[in-house]
Amino acid sequence: AMIHIIKHAATGTIWVAENDEEPYEYKIPPRENFA
């Protein structure tokens, strides 16, 4: 997962590696979505 995100991830992104599966990006929605 580390190698994958080093090669492909955009700055400021959060990635999860769990259950021996491919990493996936975790996105925090903008606070304005809840206003």
PDB file of all heavy atoms in Angstrom:
ATOM      1  N   ALA A   1       0.838  -1.209   0.000  1.00  0.00           N
ATOM      2  CA  ALA A   1       0.000   0.000   0.000  1.00  0.00           C
ATOM      3  C   ALA A   1       0.868   1.251   0.000  1.00  0.00           C
ATOM      4  O   ALA A   1       0.578   2.222  -0.708  1.00  0.00           O
ATOM      5  CB  ALA A   1      -0.927  -0.010   1.212  1.00  0.00           C
ATOM      6  N   MET A   2       1.940   1.227   0.784  1.00  0.00           N
ATOM      7  CA  MET A   2       2.857   2.371   0.851  1.00  0.00           C
ATOM      8  C   MET A   2       3.434   2.674  -0.530  1.00  0.00           C
ATOM      9  O   MET A   2       3.442   3.827  -0.972  1.00  0.00           O
ATOM     10  CB  MET A   2       3.984   2.071   1.839  1.00  0.00           C
ATOM     11  CG  MET A   2       5.022   3.157   1.943  1.00  0.00           C
ATOM     12  SD  MET A   2       4.408   4.647   2.731  1.00  0.00           S
ATOM     13  CE  MET A   2       4.257   4.073   4.406  1.00  0.00           C
ATOM     14  N   ILE A   3       3.896   1.672  -1.211  1.00  0.00           N
ATOM     15  CA  ILE A   3       4.467   1.867  -2.547  1.00  0.00           C
ATOM     16  C   ILE A   3       3.419   2.445  -3.495  1.00  0.00           C
ATOM     17  O   ILE A   3       3.696   3.366  -4.255  1.00  0.00           O
ATOM     18  CB  ILE A   3       5.047   0.542  -3.089  1.00  0.00           C
ATOM     19  CG1 ILE A   3       6.275   0.145  -2.255  1.00  0.00           C
ATOM     20  CG2 ILE A   3       5.397   0.657  -4.574  1.00  0.00           C
ATOM     21  CD1 ILE A   3       6.736  -1.273  -2.465  1.00  0.00           C
ATOM     22  N   HIS A   4       2.202   1.928  -3.404  1.00  0.00           N
ATOM     23  CA  HIS A   4       1.123   2.416  -4.271  1.00  0.00           C
ATOM     24  C   HIS A   4       0.882   3.912  -4.050  1.00  0.00           C
ATOM     25  O   HIS A   4       0.800   4.681  -5.013  1.00  0.00           O
ATOM     26  CB  HIS A   4      -0.164   1.630  -4.014  1.00  0.00           C
ATOM     27  CG  HIS A   4      -1.339   2.160  -4.763  1.00  0.00           C
ATOM     28  ND1 HIS A   4      -1.586   1.819  -6.082  1.00  0.00           N
ATOM     29  CD2 HIS A   4      -2.316   3.024  -4.401  1.00  0.00           C
ATOM     30  CE1 HIS A   4      -2.668   2.455  -6.489  1.00  0.00           C
ATOM     31  NE2 HIS A   4      -3.136   3.190  -5.484  1.00  0.00           N
ATOM     32  N   ILE A   5       0.752   4.333  -2.796  1.00  0.00           N
ATOM     33  CA  ILE A   5       0.426   5.749  -2.581  1.00  0.00           C
ATOM     34  C   ILE A   5       1.610   6.658  -2.896  1.00  0.00           C
ATOM     35  O   ILE A   5       1.413   7.768  -3.380  1.00  0.00           O
ATOM     36  CB  ILE A   5      -0.181   6.027  -1.189  1.00  0.00           C
ATOM     37  CG1 ILE A   5       0.828   5.887  -0.066  1.00  0.00           C
ATOM     38  CG2 ILE A   5      -1.396   5.146  -0.946  1.00  0.00           C
ATOM     39  CD1 ILE A   5       0.325   6.424   1.270  1.00  0.00           C
ATOM     40  N   ILE A   6       2.822   6.197  -2.659  1.00  0.00           N
ATOM     41  CA  ILE A   6       3.989   7.009  -3.027  1.00  0.00           C
ATOM     42  C   ILE A   6       3.981   7.273  -4.534  1.00  0.00           C
ATOM     43  O   ILE A   6       4.252   8.384  -4.979  1.00  0.00           O
ATOM     44  CB  ILE A   6       5.305   6.329  -2.582  1.00  0.00           C
ATOM     45  CG1 ILE A   6       5.442   6.439  -1.056  1.00  0.00           C
ATOM     46  CG2 ILE A   6       6.507   6.951  -3.284  1.00  0.00           C
ATOM     47  CD1 ILE A   6       6.565   5.602  -0.476  1.00  0.00           C
ATOM     48  N   LYS A   7       3.624   6.273  -5.290  1.00  0.00           N
ATOM     49  CA  LYS A   7       3.620   6.413  -6.749  1.00  0.00           C
ATOM     50  C   LYS A   7       2.431   7.212  -7.275  1.00  0.00           C
ATOM     51  O   LYS A   7       2.555   7.935  -8.259  1.00  0.00           O
ATOM     52  CB  LYS A   7       3.595   5.031  -7.409  1.00  0.00           C
ATOM     53  CG  LYS A   7       4.893   4.278  -7.314  1.00  0.00           C
ATOM     54  CD  LYS A   7       4.777   2.944  -8.026  1.00  0.00           C
ATOM     55  CE  LYS A   7       6.083   2.198  -8.028  1.00  0.00           C
ATOM     56  NZ  LYS A   7       5.959   0.882  -8.707  1.00  0.00           N
ATOM     57  N   HIS A   8       1.250   7.088  -6.637  1.00  0.00           N
ATOM     58  CA  HIS A   8       0.028   7.567  -7.275  1.00  0.00           C
ATOM     59  C   HIS A   8      -0.775   8.624  -6.527  1.00  0.00           C
ATOM     60  O   HIS A   8      -1.639   9.267  -7.136  1.00  0.00           O
ATOM     61  CB  HIS A   8      -0.910   6.382  -7.548  1.00  0.00           C
ATOM     62  CG  HIS A   8      -0.286   5.305  -8.365  1.00  0.00           C
ATOM     63  ND1 HIS A   8       0.015   5.450  -9.699  1.00  0.00           N
ATOM     64  CD2 HIS A   8       0.135   4.061  -8.024  1.00  0.00           C
ATOM     65  CE1 HIS A   8       0.572   4.343 -10.152  1.00  0.00           C
ATOM     66  NE2 HIS A   8       0.664   3.483  -9.157  1.00  0.00           N
ATOM     67  N   ALA A   9      -0.562   8.814  -5.239  1.00  0.00           N
ATOM     68  CA  ALA A   9      -1.474   9.651  -4.447  1.00  0.00           C
ATOM     69  C   ALA A   9      -1.172  11.141  -4.585  1.00  0.00           C
ATOM     70  O   ALA A   9      -0.018  11.555  -4.654  1.00  0.00           O
ATOM     71  CB  ALA A   9      -1.409   9.246  -2.981  1.00  0.00           C
ATOM     72  N   ALA A  10      -2.231  11.920  -4.579  1.00  0.00           N
ATOM     73  CA  ALA A  10      -2.114  13.387  -4.621  1.00  0.00           C
ATOM     74  C   ALA A  10      -1.795  13.918  -3.232  1.00  0.00           C
ATOM     75  O   ALA A  10      -2.136  13.294  -2.215  1.00  0.00           O
ATOM     76  CB  ALA A  10      -3.425  13.991  -5.124  1.00  0.00           C
ATOM     77  N   THR A  11      -1.167  15.060  -3.191  1.00  0.00           N
ATOM     78  CA  THR A  11      -0.833  15.671  -1.914  1.00  0.00           C
ATOM     79  C   THR A  11      -2.093  15.924  -1.087  1.00  0.00           C
ATOM     80  O   THR A  11      -3.152  16.238  -1.632  1.00  0.00           O
ATOM     81  CB  THR A  11      -0.021  16.967  -2.096  1.00  0.00           C
ATOM     82  OG1 THR A  11       0.518  17.363  -0.825  1.00  0.00           O
ATOM     83  CG2 THR A  11      -0.848  18.098  -2.677  1.00  0.00           C
ATOM     84  N   GLY A  12      -1.962  15.749   0.228  1.00  0.00           N
ATOM     85  CA  GLY A  12      -3.066  15.997   1.142  1.00  0.00           C
ATOM     86  C   GLY A  12      -4.069  14.869   1.266  1.00  0.00           C
ATOM     87  O   GLY A  12      -5.044  14.996   1.996  1.00  0.00           O
ATOM     88  N   THR A  13      -3.840  13.756   0.572  1.00  0.00           N
ATOM     89  CA  THR A  13      -4.814  12.663   0.616  1.00  0.00           C
ATOM     90  C   THR A  13      -4.510  11.687   1.753  1.00  0.00           C
ATOM     91  O   THR A  13      -3.387  11.582   2.227  1.00  0.00           O
ATOM     92  CB  THR A  13      -4.885  11.909  -0.724  1.00  0.00           C
ATOM     93  OG1 THR A  13      -3.578  11.436  -1.096  1.00  0.00           O
ATOM     94  CG2 THR A  13      -5.429  12.814  -1.826  1.00  0.00           C
ATOM     95  N   ILE A  14      -5.563  10.992   2.155  1.00  0.00           N
ATOM     96  CA  ILE A  14      -5.507  10.010   3.236  1.00  0.00           C
ATOM     97  C   ILE A  14      -5.853   8.650   2.636  1.00  0.00           C
ATOM     98  O   ILE A  14      -6.862   8.522   1.923  1.00  0.00           O
ATOM     99  CB  ILE A  14      -6.528  10.352   4.341  1.00  0.00           C
ATOM    100  CG1 ILE A  14      -6.228  11.728   4.940  1.00  0.00           C
ATOM    101  CG2 ILE A  14      -6.557   9.268   5.421  1.00  0.00           C
ATOM    102  CD1 ILE A  14      -7.348  12.266   5.826  1.00  0.00           C
ATOM    103  N   TRP A  15      -5.050   7.648   2.961  1.00  0.00           N
ATOM    104  CA  TRP A  15      -5.234   6.311   2.404  1.00  0.00           C
ATOM    105  C   TRP A  15      -5.320   5.280   3.518  1.00  0.00           C
ATOM    106  O   TRP A  15      -4.614   5.379   4.513  1.00  0.00           O
ATOM    107  CB  TRP A  15      -4.087   5.967   1.458  1.00  0.00           C
ATOM    108  CG  TRP A  15      -4.129   6.838   0.237  1.00  0.00           C
ATOM    109  CD1 TRP A  15      -3.704   8.134   0.136  1.00  0.00           C
ATOM    110  CD2 TRP A  15      -4.691   6.501  -1.012  1.00  0.00           C
ATOM    111  NE1 TRP A  15      -3.959   8.617  -1.119  1.00  0.00           N
ATOM    112  CE2 TRP A  15      -4.564   7.628  -1.852  1.00  0.00           C
ATOM    113  CE3 TRP A  15      -5.289   5.355  -1.519  1.00  0.00           C
ATOM    114  CZ2 TRP A  15      -5.011   7.633  -3.165  1.00  0.00           C
ATOM    115  CZ3 TRP A  15      -5.723   5.350  -2.830  1.00  0.00           C
ATOM    116  CH2 TRP A  15      -5.595   6.487  -3.646  1.00  0.00           C
ATOM    117  N   VAL A  16      -6.179   4.290   3.309  1.00  0.00           N
ATOM    118  CA  VAL A  16      -6.369   3.217   4.282  1.00  0.00           C
ATOM    119  C   VAL A  16      -5.851   1.912   3.691  1.00  0.00           C
ATOM    120  O   VAL A  16      -6.119   1.592   2.528  1.00  0.00           O
ATOM    121  CB  VAL A  16      -7.863   3.061   4.653  1.00  0.00           C
ATOM    122  CG1 VAL A  16      -8.081   1.871   5.576  1.00  0.00           C
ATOM    123  CG2 VAL A  16      -8.380   4.347   5.292  1.00  0.00           C
ATOM    124  N   ALA A  17      -5.101   1.176   4.514  1.00  0.00           N
ATOM    125  CA  ALA A  17      -4.631  -0.164   4.147  1.00  0.00           C
ATOM    126  C   ALA A  17      -5.110  -1.116   5.230  1.00  0.00           C
ATOM    127  O   ALA A  17      -4.654  -1.045   6.375  1.00  0.00           O
ATOM    128  CB  ALA A  17      -3.110  -0.194   4.052  1.00  0.00           C
ATOM    129  N   GLU A  18      -6.042  -1.991   4.885  1.00  0.00           N
ATOM    130  CA  GLU A  18      -6.552  -2.932   5.878  1.00  0.00           C
ATOM    131  C   GLU A  18      -6.979  -4.232   5.216  1.00  0.00           C
ATOM    132  O   GLU A  18      -7.234  -4.282   4.020  1.00  0.00           O
ATOM    133  CB  GLU A  18      -7.718  -2.324   6.667  1.00  0.00           C
ATOM    134  CG  GLU A  18      -8.900  -1.918   5.847  1.00  0.00           C
ATOM    135  CD  GLU A  18      -9.971  -1.177   6.656  1.00  0.00           C
ATOM    136  OE1 GLU A  18      -9.930  -1.193   7.895  1.00  0.00           O
ATOM    137  OE2 GLU A  18     -10.850  -0.579   6.021  1.00  0.00           O
ATOM    138  N   ASN A  19      -7.006  -5.272   6.019  1.00  0.00           N
ATOM    139  CA  ASN A  19      -7.490  -6.594   5.607  1.00  0.00           C
ATOM    140  C   ASN A  19      -6.725  -7.183   4.424  1.00  0.00           C
ATOM    141  O   ASN A  19      -7.292  -7.920   3.629  1.00  0.00           O
ATOM    142  CB  ASN A  19      -8.990  -6.543   5.296  1.00  0.00           C
ATOM    143  CG  ASN A  19      -9.792  -6.033   6.459  1.00  0.00           C
ATOM    144  OD1 ASN A  19      -9.489  -6.352   7.614  1.00  0.00           O
ATOM    145  ND2 ASN A  19     -10.795  -5.219   6.186  1.00  0.00           N
ATOM    146  N   ASP A  20      -5.442  -6.838   4.288  1.00  0.00           N
ATOM    147  CA  ASP A  20      -4.603  -7.358   3.193  1.00  0.00           C
ATOM    148  C   ASP A  20      -5.164  -7.018   1.814  1.00  0.00           C
ATOM    149  O   ASP A  20      -4.923  -7.720   0.838  1.00  0.00           O
ATOM    150  CB  ASP A  20      -4.411  -8.883   3.318  1.00  0.00           C
ATOM    151  CG  ASP A  20      -3.587  -9.270   4.523  1.00  0.00           C
ATOM    152  OD1 ASP A  20      -2.552  -8.615   4.764  1.00  0.00           O
ATOM    153  OD2 ASP A  20      -3.960 -10.219   5.239  1.00  0.00           O
ATOM    154  N   GLU A  21      -5.925  -5.918   1.716  1.00  0.00           N
ATOM    155  CA  GLU A  21      -6.512  -5.501   0.447  1.00  0.00           C
ATOM    156  C   GLU A  21      -5.789  -4.278  -0.090  1.00  0.00           C
ATOM    157  O   GLU A  21      -4.994  -3.654   0.597  1.00  0.00           O
ATOM    158  CB  GLU A  21      -8.002  -5.200   0.647  1.00  0.00           C
ATOM    159  CG  GLU A  21      -8.793  -6.428   1.048  1.00  0.00           C
ATOM    160  CD  GLU A  21     -10.223  -6.119   1.442  1.00  0.00           C
ATOM    161  OE1 GLU A  21     -10.617  -4.925   1.431  1.00  0.00           O
ATOM    162  OE2 GLU A  21     -10.949  -7.074   1.779  1.00  0.00           O
ATOM    163  N   GLU A  22      -6.094  -3.910  -1.341  1.00  0.00           N
ATOM    164  CA  GLU A  22      -5.507  -2.716  -1.940  1.00  0.00           C
ATOM    165  C   GLU A  22      -5.896  -1.487  -1.131  1.00  0.00           C
ATOM    166  O   GLU A  22      -7.006  -1.430  -0.581  1.00  0.00           O
ATOM    167  CB  GLU A  22      -6.001  -2.548  -3.379  1.00  0.00           C
ATOM    168  CG  GLU A  22      -5.328  -3.481  -4.353  1.00  0.00           C
ATOM    169  CD  GLU A  22      -5.638  -3.082  -5.788  1.00  0.00           C
ATOM    170  OE1 GLU A  22      -5.863  -1.879  -6.064  1.00  0.00           O
ATOM    171  OE2 GLU A  22      -5.635  -3.992  -6.631  1.00  0.00           O
ATOM    172  N   PRO A  23      -5.030  -0.489  -1.077  1.00  0.00           N
ATOM    173  CA  PRO A  23      -5.386   0.717  -0.328  1.00  0.00           C
ATOM    174  C   PRO A  23      -6.504   1.475  -1.033  1.00  0.00           C
ATOM    175  O   PRO A  23      -6.678   1.376  -2.241  1.00  0.00           O
ATOM    176  CB  PRO A  23      -4.088   1.531  -0.343  1.00  0.00           C
ATOM    177  CG  PRO A  23      -3.394   1.096  -1.586  1.00  0.00           C
ATOM    178  CD  PRO A  23      -3.733  -0.369  -1.742  1.00  0.00           C
ATOM    179  N   TYR A  24      -7.255   2.197  -0.228  1.00  0.00           N
ATOM    180  CA  TYR A  24      -8.298   3.056  -0.794  1.00  0.00           C
ATOM    181  C   TYR A  24      -8.199   4.431  -0.152  1.00  0.00           C
ATOM    182  O   TYR A  24      -7.740   4.581   0.976  1.00  0.00           O
ATOM    183  CB  TYR A  24      -9.696   2.461  -0.616  1.00  0.00           C
ATOM    184  CG  TYR A  24     -10.116   2.234   0.824  1.00  0.00           C
ATOM    185  CD1 TYR A  24     -10.789   3.228   1.537  1.00  0.00           C
ATOM    186  CD2 TYR A  24      -9.855   1.026   1.461  1.00  0.00           C
ATOM    187  CE1 TYR A  24     -11.187   3.026   2.847  1.00  0.00           C
ATOM    188  CE2 TYR A  24     -10.246   0.812   2.774  1.00  0.00           C
ATOM    189  CZ  TYR A  24     -10.917   1.810   3.465  1.00  0.00           C
ATOM    190  OH  TYR A  24     -11.304   1.602   4.767  1.00  0.00           O
ATOM    191  N   GLU A  25      -8.628   5.426  -0.915  1.00  0.00           N
ATOM    192  CA  GLU A  25      -8.580   6.792  -0.414  1.00  0.00           C
ATOM    193  C   GLU A  25      -9.770   7.051   0.503  1.00  0.00           C
ATOM    194  O   GLU A  25     -10.906   6.717   0.185  1.00  0.00           O
ATOM    195  CB  GLU A  25      -8.590   7.800  -1.561  1.00  0.00           C
ATOM    196  CG  GLU A  25      -8.411   9.226  -1.089  1.00  0.00           C
ATOM    197  CD  GLU A  25      -8.339  10.242  -2.215  1.00  0.00           C
ATOM    198  OE1 GLU A  25      -8.323   9.853  -3.402  1.00  0.00           O
ATOM    199  OE2 GLU A  25      -8.303  11.452  -1.891  1.00  0.00           O
ATOM    200  N   TYR A  26      -9.482   7.655   1.646  1.00  0.00           N
ATOM    201  CA  TYR A  26     -10.511   8.072   2.591  1.00  0.00           C
ATOM    202  C   TYR A  26     -10.693   9.568   2.406  1.00  0.00           C
ATOM    203  O   TYR A  26      -9.744  10.337   2.528  1.00  0.00           O
ATOM    204  CB  TYR A  26     -10.064   7.753   4.021  1.00  0.00           C
ATOM    205  CG  TYR A  26     -11.012   8.260   5.072  1.00  0.00           C
ATOM    206  CD1 TYR A  26     -12.213   7.603   5.324  1.00  0.00           C
ATOM    207  CD2 TYR A  26     -10.713   9.401   5.806  1.00  0.00           C
ATOM    208  CE1 TYR A  26     -13.094   8.076   6.289  1.00  0.00           C
ATOM    209  CE2 TYR A  26     -11.582   9.872   6.771  1.00  0.00           C
ATOM    210  CZ  TYR A  26     -12.762   9.215   7.005  1.00  0.00           C
ATOM    211  OH  TYR A  26     -13.627   9.682   7.953  1.00  0.00           O
ATOM    212  N   LYS A  27     -11.918   9.979   2.102  1.00  0.00           N
ATOM    213  CA  LYS A  27     -12.181  11.387   1.835  1.00  0.00           C
ATOM    214  C   LYS A  27     -13.040  11.992   2.937  1.00  0.00           C
ATOM    215  O   LYS A  27     -14.089  11.451   3.280  1.00  0.00           O
ATOM    216  CB  LYS A  27     -12.871  11.549   0.483  1.00  0.00           C
ATOM    217  CG  LYS A  27     -11.995  11.116  -0.669  1.00  0.00           C
ATOM    218  CD  LYS A  27     -12.690  11.298  -1.992  1.00  0.00           C
ATOM    219  CE  LYS A  27     -11.767  10.838  -3.111  1.00  0.00           C
ATOM    220  NZ  LYS A  27     -12.390  11.037  -4.419  1.00  0.00           N
ATOM    221  N   ILE A  28     -12.579  13.097   3.465  1.00  0.00           N
ATOM    222  CA  ILE A  28     -13.335  13.842   4.456  1.00  0.00           C
ATOM    223  C   ILE A  28     -14.152  14.883   3.691  1.00  0.00           C
ATOM    224  O   ILE A  28     -13.583  15.721   2.991  1.00  0.00           O
ATOM    225  CB  ILE A  28     -12.399  14.537   5.465  1.00  0.00           C
ATOM    226  CG1 ILE A  28     -11.543  13.497   6.185  1.00  0.00           C
ATOM    227  CG2 ILE A  28     -13.194  15.381   6.448  1.00  0.00           C
ATOM    228  CD1 ILE A  28     -10.438  14.090   7.045  1.00  0.00           C
ATOM    229  N   PRO A  29     -15.471  14.831   3.823  1.00  0.00           N
ATOM    230  CA  PRO A  29     -16.272  15.806   3.065  1.00  0.00           C
ATOM    231  C   PRO A  29     -16.069  17.218   3.608  1.00  0.00           C
ATOM    232  O   PRO A  29     -15.841  17.402   4.803  1.00  0.00           O
ATOM    233  CB  PRO A  29     -17.712  15.334   3.276  1.00  0.00           C
ATOM    234  CG  PRO A  29     -17.684  14.391   4.420  1.00  0.00           C
ATOM    235  CD  PRO A  29     -16.284  13.907   4.592  1.00  0.00           C
ATOM    236  N   PRO A  30     -16.156  18.212   2.739  1.00  0.00           N
ATOM    237  CA  PRO A  30     -16.040  19.601   3.189  1.00  0.00           C
ATOM    238  C   PRO A  30     -17.138  19.928   4.209  1.00  0.00           C
ATOM    239  O   PRO A  30     -18.273  19.478   4.070  1.00  0.00           O
ATOM    240  CB  PRO A  30     -16.226  20.429   1.920  1.00  0.00           C
ATOM    241  CG  PRO A  30     -16.029  19.473   0.792  1.00  0.00           C
ATOM    242  CD  PRO A  30     -16.376  18.112   1.303  1.00  0.00           C
ATOM    243  N   ARG A  31     -16.782  20.706   5.212  1.00  0.00           N
ATOM    244  CA  ARG A  31     -17.759  21.036   6.263  1.00  0.00           C
ATOM    245  C   ARG A  31     -18.974  21.750   5.695  1.00  0.00           C
ATOM    246  O   ARG A  31     -20.075  21.622   6.219  1.00  0.00           O
ATOM    247  CB  ARG A  31     -17.103  21.848   7.372  1.00  0.00           C
ATOM    248  CG  ARG A  31     -16.810  23.276   7.027  1.00  0.00           C
ATOM    249  CD  ARG A  31     -16.225  24.060   8.192  1.00  0.00           C
ATOM    250  NE  ARG A  31     -16.163  25.470   7.863  1.00  0.00           N
ATOM    251  CZ  ARG A  31     -15.261  26.019   7.091  1.00  0.00           C
ATOM    252  NH1 ARG A  31     -14.301  25.291   6.558  1.00  0.00           N
ATOM    253  NH2 ARG A  31     -15.287  27.323   6.844  1.00  0.00           N
ATOM    254  N   GLU A  32     -18.783  22.471   4.589  1.00  0.00           N
ATOM    255  CA  GLU A  32     -19.891  23.189   3.968  1.00  0.00           C
ATOM    256  C   GLU A  32     -21.018  22.235   3.526  1.00  0.00           C
ATOM    257  O   GLU A  32     -22.167  22.648   3.404  1.00  0.00           O
ATOM    258  CB  GLU A  32     -19.404  24.017   2.766  1.00  0.00           C
ATOM    259  CG  GLU A  32     -18.462  25.143   3.127  1.00  0.00           C
ATOM    260  CD  GLU A  32     -16.998  24.694   3.294  1.00  0.00           C
ATOM    261  OE1 GLU A  32     -16.663  23.535   3.000  1.00  0.00           O
ATOM    262  OE2 GLU A  32     -16.192  25.540   3.712  1.00  0.00           O
ATOM    263  N   ASN A  33     -20.672  20.984   3.281  1.00  0.00           N
ATOM    264  CA  ASN A  33     -21.687  19.993   2.892  1.00  0.00           C
ATOM    265  C   ASN A  33     -22.736  19.803   3.988  1.00  0.00           C
ATOM    266  O   ASN A  33     -23.828  19.331   3.719  1.00  0.00           O
ATOM    267  CB  ASN A  33     -21.059  18.642   2.600  1.00  0.00           C
ATOM    268  CG  ASN A  33     -20.258  18.638   1.313  1.00  0.00           C
ATOM    269  OD1 ASN A  33     -20.070  19.662   0.670  1.00  0.00           O
ATOM    270  ND2 ASN A  33     -19.753  17.477   0.937  1.00  0.00           N
ATOM    271  N   PHE A  34     -22.399  20.151   5.224  1.00  0.00           N
ATOM    272  CA  PHE A  34     -23.288  19.913   6.352  1.00  0.00           C
ATOM    273  C   PHE A  34     -23.975  21.181   6.837  1.00  0.00           C
ATOM    274  O   PHE A  34     -24.851  21.116   7.703  1.00  0.00           O
ATOM    275  CB  PHE A  34     -22.498  19.284   7.511  1.00  0.00           C
ATOM    276  CG  PHE A  34     -21.830  18.000   7.109  1.00  0.00           C
ATOM    277  CD1 PHE A  34     -20.494  17.979   6.765  1.00  0.00           C
ATOM    278  CD2 PHE A  34     -22.552  16.817   7.048  1.00  0.00           C
ATOM    279  CE1 PHE A  34     -19.872  16.803   6.382  1.00  0.00           C
ATOM    280  CE2 PHE A  34     -21.942  15.630   6.659  1.00  0.00           C
ATOM    281  CZ  PHE A  34     -20.606  15.626   6.322  1.00  0.00           C
ATOM    282  N   ALA A  35     -23.602  22.303   6.293  1.00  0.00           N
ATOM    283  CA  ALA A  35     -24.174  23.582   6.725  1.00  0.00           C
ATOM    284  C   ALA A  35     -25.647  23.662   6.326  1.00  0.00           C
ATOM    285  O   ALA A  35     -26.038  23.188   5.266  1.00  0.00           O
ATOM    286  CB  ALA A  35     -23.396  24.747   6.125  1.00  0.00           C
TER     287      ALA A  35
END
